[in-house]
């Protein structure tokens, strides 16, 4: 079983934060997971410069 999952990109095709990101973070935090959003040095597309890391505690 994986110890962490990374989600990238966190934006939709229009470059805005996806409406699915915050509910995903909330749901996993409620289940006891650690959720971290980190800036990355690359962009997959315009505005896509963050990755979400979800870890089991």
PDB file of N, CA and C in Angstrom:
ATOM      1  N   UNK A   1       0.836  -1.166   0.000  1.00  0.00           N
ATOM      2  CA  UNK A   1       0.000   0.000   0.000  1.00  0.00           C
ATOM      3  C   UNK A   1       0.892   1.244   0.000  1.00  0.00           C
ATOM      4  N   UNK A   2       0.519   2.226  -0.787  1.00  0.00           N
ATOM      5  CA  UNK A   2       1.303   3.459  -0.895  1.00  0.00           C
ATOM      6  C   UNK A   2       1.225   4.264   0.401  1.00  0.00           C
ATOM      7  N   UNK A   3       2.330   4.906   0.754  1.00  0.00           N
ATOM      8  CA  UNK A   3       2.364   5.756   1.947  1.00  0.00           C
ATOM      9  C   UNK A   3       1.917   7.174   1.640  1.00  0.00           C
ATOM     10  N   UNK A   4       1.988   7.554   0.366  1.00  0.00           N
ATOM     11  CA  UNK A   4       1.529   8.880  -0.013  1.00  0.00           C
ATOM     12  C   UNK A   4       1.036   8.883  -1.448  1.00  0.00           C
ATOM     13  N   UNK A   5       0.184   9.868  -1.725  1.00  0.00           N
ATOM     14  CA  UNK A   5      -0.341  10.082  -3.068  1.00  0.00           C
ATOM     15  C   UNK A   5      -0.076  11.535  -3.415  1.00  0.00           C
ATOM     16  N   UNK A   6       0.368  11.772  -4.640  1.00  0.00           N
ATOM     17  CA  UNK A   6       0.587  13.146  -5.103  1.00  0.00           C
ATOM     18  C   UNK A   6      -0.411  13.456  -6.202  1.00  0.00           C
ATOM     19  N   UNK A   7      -1.009  14.630  -6.111  1.00  0.00           N
ATOM     20  CA  UNK A   7      -2.021  15.054  -7.077  1.00  0.00           C
ATOM     21  C   UNK A   7      -1.492  16.304  -7.780  1.00  0.00           C
ATOM     22  N   UNK A   8      -1.410  16.230  -9.107  1.00  0.00           N
ATOM     23  CA  UNK A   8      -0.900  17.346  -9.905  1.00  0.00           C
ATOM     24  C   UNK A   8      -1.477  17.239 -11.296  1.00  0.00           C
ATOM     25  N   UNK A   9      -1.941  18.280 -11.878  1.00  0.00           N
ATOM     26  CA  UNK A   9      -2.049  19.652 -11.386  1.00  0.00           C
ATOM     27  C   UNK A   9      -3.305  19.833 -10.552  1.00  0.00           C
ATOM     28  N   UNK A  10      -3.373  20.964  -9.855  1.00  0.00           N
ATOM     29  CA  UNK A  10      -4.517  21.285  -9.003  1.00  0.00           C
ATOM     30  C   UNK A  10      -5.440  22.303  -9.660  1.00  0.00           C
ATOM     31  N   UNK A  11      -5.206  22.578 -10.923  1.00  0.00           N
ATOM     32  CA  UNK A  11      -6.003  23.554 -11.659  1.00  0.00           C
ATOM     33  C   UNK A  11      -6.737  22.857 -12.804  1.00  0.00           C
ATOM     34  N   UNK A  12      -7.827  23.478 -13.223  1.00  0.00           N
ATOM     35  CA  UNK A  12      -8.569  22.961 -14.378  1.00  0.00           C
ATOM     36  C   UNK A  12      -7.930  23.510 -15.658  1.00  0.00           C
ATOM     37  N   UNK A  13      -8.481  23.180 -16.780  1.00  0.00           N
ATOM     38  CA  UNK A  13      -7.890  23.580 -18.059  1.00  0.00           C
ATOM     39  C   UNK A  13      -7.851  25.086 -18.267  1.00  0.00           C
ATOM     40  N   UNK A  14      -8.685  25.830 -17.537  1.00  0.00           N
ATOM     41  CA  UNK A  14      -8.667  27.294 -17.668  1.00  0.00           C
ATOM     42  C   UNK A  14      -7.627  27.952 -16.757  1.00  0.00           C
ATOM     43  N   UNK A  15      -6.836  27.146 -16.044  1.00  0.00           N
ATOM     44  CA  UNK A  15      -5.778  27.664 -15.189  1.00  0.00           C
ATOM     45  C   UNK A  15      -6.235  28.087 -13.813  1.00  0.00           C
ATOM     46  N   UNK A  16      -7.500  27.885 -13.482  1.00  0.00           N
ATOM     47  CA  UNK A  16      -8.036  28.232 -12.165  1.00  0.00           C
ATOM     48  C   UNK A  16      -8.064  26.986 -11.291  1.00  0.00           C
ATOM     49  N   UNK A  17      -7.981  27.192  -9.987  1.00  0.00           N
ATOM     50  CA  UNK A  17      -8.002  26.077  -9.034  1.00  0.00           C
ATOM     51  C   UNK A  17      -9.247  25.226  -9.283  1.00  0.00           C
ATOM     52  N   UNK A  18      -9.059  23.942  -9.367  1.00  0.00           N
ATOM     53  CA  UNK A  18     -10.162  23.022  -9.610  1.00  0.00           C
ATOM     54  C   UNK A  18     -11.142  23.041  -8.437  1.00  0.00           C
ATOM     55  N   UNK A  19     -12.420  22.979  -8.748  1.00  0.00           N
ATOM     56  CA  UNK A  19     -13.458  22.959  -7.708  1.00  0.00           C
ATOM     57  C   UNK A  19     -13.397  21.672  -6.881  1.00  0.00           C
ATOM     58  N   UNK A  20     -12.662  20.682  -7.329  1.00  0.00           N
ATOM     59  CA  UNK A  20     -12.576  19.390  -6.639  1.00  0.00           C
ATOM     60  C   UNK A  20     -11.482  19.351  -5.581  1.00  0.00           C
ATOM     61  N   UNK A  21     -10.546  20.288  -5.637  1.00  0.00           N
ATOM     62  CA  UNK A  21      -9.375  20.242  -4.764  1.00  0.00           C
ATOM     63  C   UNK A  21      -9.736  20.423  -3.289  1.00  0.00           C
ATOM     64  N   UNK A  22     -10.405  21.494  -2.931  1.00  0.00           N
ATOM     65  CA  UNK A  22     -10.688  21.753  -1.516  1.00  0.00           C
ATOM     66  C   UNK A  22     -11.585  20.692  -0.876  1.00  0.00           C
ATOM     67  N   UNK A  23     -12.642  20.209  -1.568  1.00  0.00           N
ATOM     68  CA  UNK A  23     -13.412  19.105  -0.976  1.00  0.00           C
ATOM     69  C   UNK A  23     -12.568  17.831  -0.789  1.00  0.00           C
ATOM     70  N   UNK A  24     -11.655  17.574  -1.708  1.00  0.00           N
ATOM     71  CA  UNK A  24     -10.759  16.420  -1.589  1.00  0.00           C
ATOM     72  C   UNK A  24      -9.873  16.566  -0.356  1.00  0.00           C
ATOM     73  N   UNK A  25      -9.287  17.765  -0.180  1.00  0.00           N
ATOM     74  CA  UNK A  25      -8.446  18.020   0.990  1.00  0.00           C
ATOM     75  C   UNK A  25      -9.247  17.845   2.270  1.00  0.00           C
ATOM     76  N   UNK A  26     -10.420  18.430   2.335  1.00  0.00           N
ATOM     77  CA  UNK A  26     -11.259  18.372   3.535  1.00  0.00           C
ATOM     78  C   UNK A  26     -11.610  16.931   3.901  1.00  0.00           C
ATOM     79  N   UNK A  27     -12.045  16.170   2.904  1.00  0.00           N
ATOM     80  CA  UNK A  27     -12.450  14.781   3.139  1.00  0.00           C
ATOM     81  C   UNK A  27     -11.296  13.954   3.704  1.00  0.00           C
ATOM     82  N   UNK A  28     -10.117  14.129   3.144  1.00  0.00           N
ATOM     83  CA  UNK A  28      -8.979  13.335   3.607  1.00  0.00           C
ATOM     84  C   UNK A  28      -8.483  13.785   4.973  1.00  0.00           C
ATOM     85  N   UNK A  29      -8.530  15.074   5.252  1.00  0.00           N
ATOM     86  CA  UNK A  29      -8.154  15.538   6.595  1.00  0.00           C
ATOM     87  C   UNK A  29      -9.119  14.983   7.642  1.00  0.00           C
ATOM     88  N   UNK A  30     -10.412  14.940   7.317  1.00  0.00           N
ATOM     89  CA  UNK A  30     -11.411  14.395   8.246  1.00  0.00           C
ATOM     90  C   UNK A  30     -11.160  12.916   8.523  1.00  0.00           C
ATOM     91  N   UNK A  31     -10.574  12.226   7.564  1.00  0.00           N
ATOM     92  CA  UNK A  31     -10.274  10.802   7.739  1.00  0.00           C
ATOM     93  C   UNK A  31      -8.921  10.573   8.411  1.00  0.00           C
ATOM     94  N   UNK A  32      -8.234  11.670   8.778  1.00  0.00           N
ATOM     95  CA  UNK A  32      -6.981  11.538   9.513  1.00  0.00           C
ATOM     96  C   UNK A  32      -5.720  11.574   8.676  1.00  0.00           C
ATOM     97  N   UNK A  33      -5.840  11.886   7.409  1.00  0.00           N
ATOM     98  CA  UNK A  33      -4.664  11.981   6.552  1.00  0.00           C
ATOM     99  C   UNK A  33      -4.032  13.362   6.686  1.00  0.00           C
ATOM    100  N   UNK A  34      -2.740  13.429   6.424  1.00  0.00           N
ATOM    101  CA  UNK A  34      -2.040  14.702   6.337  1.00  0.00           C
ATOM    102  C   UNK A  34      -2.098  15.158   4.888  1.00  0.00           C
ATOM    103  N   UNK A  35      -2.530  16.398   4.675  1.00  0.00           N
ATOM    104  CA  UNK A  35      -2.626  16.948   3.329  1.00  0.00           C
ATOM    105  C   UNK A  35      -1.765  18.205   3.276  1.00  0.00           C
ATOM    106  N   UNK A  36      -0.810  18.209   2.352  1.00  0.00           N
ATOM    107  CA  UNK A  36       0.100  19.341   2.200  1.00  0.00           C
ATOM    108  C   UNK A  36       0.062  19.792   0.747  1.00  0.00           C
ATOM    109  N   UNK A  37       0.027  21.093   0.555  1.00  0.00           N
ATOM    110  CA  UNK A  37       0.122  21.650  -0.792  1.00  0.00           C
ATOM    111  C   UNK A  37       1.456  22.370  -0.886  1.00  0.00           C
ATOM    112  N   UNK A  38       2.267  21.987  -1.872  1.00  0.00           N
ATOM    113  CA  UNK A  38       3.604  22.559  -2.016  1.00  0.00           C
ATOM    114  C   UNK A  38       3.774  23.160  -3.401  1.00  0.00           C
ATOM    115  N   UNK A  39       4.471  24.252  -3.448  1.00  0.00           N
ATOM    116  CA  UNK A  39       4.842  24.865  -4.720  1.00  0.00           C
ATOM    117  C   UNK A  39       5.931  24.035  -5.373  1.00  0.00           C
ATOM    118  N   UNK A  40       5.887  23.938  -6.680  1.00  0.00           N
ATOM    119  CA  UNK A  40       6.915  23.235  -7.436  1.00  0.00           C
ATOM    120  C   UNK A  40       7.585  24.222  -8.383  1.00  0.00           C
ATOM    121  N   UNK A  41       8.753  23.853  -8.882  1.00  0.00           N
ATOM    122  CA  UNK A  41       9.536  24.759  -9.723  1.00  0.00           C
ATOM    123  C   UNK A  41       9.204  24.633 -11.205  1.00  0.00           C
ATOM    124  N   UNK A  42       8.161  23.899 -11.519  1.00  0.00           N
ATOM    125  CA  UNK A  42       7.784  23.702 -12.922  1.00  0.00           C
ATOM    126  C   UNK A  42       6.285  23.924 -13.065  1.00  0.00           C
ATOM    127  N   UNK A  43       5.841  24.156 -14.281  1.00  0.00           N
ATOM    128  CA  UNK A  43       4.419  24.336 -14.556  1.00  0.00           C
ATOM    129  C   UNK A  43       4.015  23.401 -15.688  1.00  0.00           C
ATOM    130  N   UNK A  44       3.064  22.550 -15.413  1.00  0.00           N
ATOM    131  CA  UNK A  44       2.511  21.654 -16.417  1.00  0.00           C
ATOM    132  C   UNK A  44       1.675  22.445 -17.415  1.00  0.00           C
ATOM    133  N   UNK A  45       1.008  23.451 -16.902  1.00  0.00           N
ATOM    134  CA  UNK A  45       0.184  24.365 -17.694  1.00  0.00           C
ATOM    135  C   UNK A  45       0.115  25.671 -16.918  1.00  0.00           C
ATOM    136  N   UNK A  46      -0.458  26.699 -17.499  1.00  0.00           N
ATOM    137  CA  UNK A  46      -0.553  27.994 -16.826  1.00  0.00           C
ATOM    138  C   UNK A  46      -1.241  27.846 -15.469  1.00  0.00           C
ATOM    139  N   UNK A  47      -0.587  28.331 -14.427  1.00  0.00           N
ATOM    140  CA  UNK A  47      -1.145  28.280 -13.079  1.00  0.00           C
ATOM    141  C   UNK A  47      -0.938  26.975 -12.343  1.00  0.00           C
ATOM    142  N   UNK A  48      -0.388  25.989 -13.005  1.00  0.00           N
ATOM    143  CA  UNK A  48      -0.198  24.669 -12.391  1.00  0.00           C
ATOM    144  C   UNK A  48       1.191  24.585 -11.774  1.00  0.00           C
ATOM    145  N   UNK A  49       1.356  25.216 -10.622  1.00  0.00           N
ATOM    146  CA  UNK A  49       2.668  25.238  -9.974  1.00  0.00           C
ATOM    147  C   UNK A  49       2.625  24.721  -8.538  1.00  0.00           C
ATOM    148  N   UNK A  50       1.597  23.930  -8.218  1.00  0.00           N
ATOM    149  CA  UNK A  50       1.473  23.330  -6.885  1.00  0.00           C
ATOM    150  C   UNK A  50       1.099  21.858  -7.010  1.00  0.00           C
ATOM    151  N   UNK A  51       1.586  21.090  -6.053  1.00  0.00           N
ATOM    152  CA  UNK A  51       1.253  19.670  -5.975  1.00  0.00           C
ATOM    153  C   UNK A  51       0.650  19.412  -4.593  1.00  0.00           C
ATOM    154  N   UNK A  52      -0.311  18.529  -4.534  1.00  0.00           N
ATOM    155  CA  UNK A  52      -0.877  18.102  -3.258  1.00  0.00           C
ATOM    156  C   UNK A  52      -0.251  16.769  -2.884  1.00  0.00           C
ATOM    157  N   UNK A  53       0.129  16.652  -1.616  1.00  0.00           N
ATOM    158  CA  UNK A  53       0.689  15.405  -1.106  1.00  0.00           C
ATOM    159  C   UNK A  53      -0.217  14.942   0.026  1.00  0.00           C
ATOM    160  N   UNK A  54      -0.784  13.768  -0.133  1.00  0.00           N
ATOM    161  CA  UNK A  54      -1.699  13.200   0.872  1.00  0.00           C
ATOM    162  C   UNK A  54      -1.015  11.976   1.459  1.00  0.00           C
ATOM    163  N   UNK A  55      -0.824  11.994   2.794  1.00  0.00           N
ATOM    164  CA  UNK A  55      -0.081  10.924   3.466  1.00  0.00           C
ATOM    165  C   UNK A  55      -0.905  10.285   4.583  1.00  0.00           C
ATOM    166  N   UNK A  56      -0.662   9.007   4.767  1.00  0.00           N
ATOM    167  CA  UNK A  56      -1.211   8.330   5.939  1.00  0.00           C
ATOM    168  C   UNK A  56      -0.397   8.746   7.144  1.00  0.00           C
ATOM    169  N   UNK A  57      -1.035   8.827   8.301  1.00  0.00           N
ATOM    170  CA  UNK A  57      -0.297   9.206   9.525  1.00  0.00           C
ATOM    171  C   UNK A  57       0.233   8.000  10.233  1.00  0.00           C
TER     172      UNK A  57
END
